[in-house]
Amino acid sequence: QVQLVESGGGLVQSGGSLRLSCAASGSRISIYTMGWYRQAPGKQRELVAIITSGGSTNYADSVKGRFTISRDNAKNTVYLQMNSLKPEDTAVYSCSAQWRVTTYWGQGTQVTVAL
């Protein structure tokens, strides 16, 4: 069992930056593929970025070049550095931990980008 707690969300002006953190407990995350997803009001949840246990990353086209996912297995934490934020990035951002057929989710943190 893995518990995930996100933090770092908030209100930021367009063009600004935020760094989200996802702290895991209950299990070491080193073997997990970790991901960030987001869901805007009235829209389906979408993948933002993932990082495998080996450190390979993948990003949604909409955030490539602006967002960076990273992991610190020693701290059992995953990060999402978000730069050049746009109003369309406004959403609830959730962290996930996936291993084989099991996926754990955090509660999410709100990110609001103002014009």
Protein backbone atom coordinates (compact mmCIF):
# COMPACT_ATOMS: atom_id res chain seq x y z
CA GLN A 1 0.00 0.00 0.00
CA VAL A 2 1.28 3.45 -0.96
CA GLN A 3 -0.07 6.71 0.35
CA LEU A 4 0.60 9.79 -1.78
CA VAL A 5 0.29 13.40 -0.64
CA GLU A 6 0.67 16.26 -3.10
CA SER A 7 1.67 19.79 -2.20
CA GLY A 8 2.86 22.97 -3.84
CA GLY A 9 -0.23 24.00 -5.72
CA GLY A 10 -1.67 27.47 -5.63
CA LEU A 11 -2.50 30.61 -7.59
CA VAL A 12 0.12 31.94 -9.99
CA GLN A 13 0.17 34.53 -12.74
CA SER A 14 0.49 33.50 -16.37
CA GLY A 15 4.16 32.94 -17.18
CA GLY A 16 4.98 32.03 -13.60
CA SER A 17 6.30 28.84 -12.08
CA LEU A 18 5.29 26.31 -9.47
CA ARG A 19 6.91 23.18 -8.12
CA LEU A 20 4.65 20.36 -7.08
CA SER A 21 5.78 17.64 -4.70
CA CYS A 22 4.35 14.19 -4.13
CA ALA A 23 5.47 12.56 -0.90
CA ALA A 24 4.98 8.81 -0.65
CA SER A 25 4.68 6.65 2.44
CA GLY A 26 3.90 3.04 3.18
CA SER A 27 6.34 1.69 0.64
CA ARG A 28 9.50 2.70 -1.14
CA ILE A 29 8.71 4.15 -4.55
CA SER A 30 11.94 3.13 -6.25
CA ILE A 31 10.25 0.30 -8.18
CA TYR A 32 7.20 2.34 -9.16
CA THR A 33 6.48 4.30 -12.30
CA MET A 34 5.42 7.66 -10.96
CA GLY A 35 3.15 10.05 -12.76
CA TRP A 36 1.44 13.40 -12.65
CA TYR A 37 -2.05 13.76 -14.06
CA ARG A 38 -4.43 16.70 -14.15
CA GLN A 39 -8.14 17.26 -14.46
CA ALA A 40 -9.71 20.56 -15.37
CA PRO A 41 -13.39 21.31 -14.66
CA GLY A 42 -15.61 19.54 -17.17
CA LYS A 43 -12.72 17.63 -18.72
CA GLN A 44 -11.31 14.15 -18.41
CA ARG A 45 -8.19 13.45 -16.44
CA GLU A 46 -5.11 13.58 -18.64
CA LEU A 47 -1.54 12.45 -18.31
CA VAL A 48 0.93 15.27 -17.73
CA ALA A 49 4.20 13.40 -17.21
CA ILE A 50 5.56 10.07 -16.07
CA ILE A 51 8.94 8.85 -14.86
CA THR A 52 9.86 5.18 -14.75
CA SER A 53 11.86 3.41 -12.08
CA GLY A 54 14.86 3.73 -14.39
CA GLY A 55 14.41 7.47 -14.81
CA SER A 56 12.93 7.56 -18.30
CA THR A 57 10.39 10.33 -18.77
CA ASN A 58 7.44 11.06 -21.02
CA TYR A 59 5.38 14.23 -21.32
CA ALA A 60 2.12 15.36 -22.80
CA ASP A 61 2.73 17.45 -25.89
CA SER A 62 1.04 20.42 -24.25
CA VAL A 63 3.69 20.64 -21.50
CA LYS A 64 6.86 19.56 -23.30
CA GLY A 65 9.63 22.08 -22.79
CA ARG A 66 7.80 23.73 -19.89
CA PHE A 67 7.36 21.00 -17.27
CA THR A 68 9.96 18.67 -15.78
CA ILE A 69 9.24 15.56 -13.74
CA SER A 70 11.90 14.21 -11.40
CA ARG A 71 12.17 11.75 -8.55
CA ASP A 72 14.24 11.47 -5.40
CA ASN A 73 13.98 7.88 -4.26
CA ALA A 74 15.96 8.61 -1.11
CA LYS A 75 13.29 11.10 -0.08
CA ASN A 76 10.47 8.94 -1.49
CA THR A 77 9.26 12.00 -3.37
CA VAL A 78 8.40 12.95 -6.94
CA TYR A 79 8.40 16.49 -8.25
CA LEU A 80 6.84 18.40 -11.10
CA GLN A 81 8.55 21.67 -11.97
CA MET A 82 6.16 23.79 -13.99
CA ASN A 83 7.47 26.85 -15.83
CA SER A 84 5.87 29.30 -18.25
CA LEU A 85 2.46 28.44 -16.88
CA LYS A 86 -0.62 29.23 -18.95
CA PRO A 87 -4.26 29.65 -17.95
CA GLU A 88 -5.03 26.36 -19.70
CA ASP A 89 -2.77 24.60 -17.18
CA THR A 90 -5.38 25.32 -14.50
CA ALA A 91 -6.48 21.98 -13.03
CA VAL A 92 -6.28 19.65 -10.08
CA TYR A 93 -2.94 17.87 -10.31
CA SER A 94 -2.70 14.35 -8.91
CA CYS A 95 0.23 12.06 -8.34
CA SER A 96 0.18 8.35 -9.15
CA ALA A 97 2.35 5.34 -8.35
CA GLN A 98 2.06 2.35 -10.64
CA TRP A 99 3.60 -1.09 -10.41
CA ARG A 100 2.33 -4.00 -12.48
CA VAL A 101 -1.47 -3.82 -12.41
CA THR A 102 -1.78 -1.68 -9.29
CA THR A 103 -2.01 2.11 -9.29
CA TYR A 104 -2.22 4.35 -6.25
CA TRP A 105 -3.47 7.95 -6.37
CA GLY A 106 -3.09 11.01 -4.26
CA GLN A 107 -5.90 13.45 -3.46
CA GLY A 108 -4.59 16.16 -5.71
CA THR A 109 -3.56 19.78 -5.43
CA GLN A 110 -5.19 22.73 -7.16
CA VAL A 111 -3.19 24.80 -9.62
CA THR A 112 -4.78 28.00 -10.86
CA VAL A 113 -3.09 30.18 -13.45
CA ALA A 114 -4.47 33.69 -13.73
CA LEU A 115 -4.26 35.87 -16.82
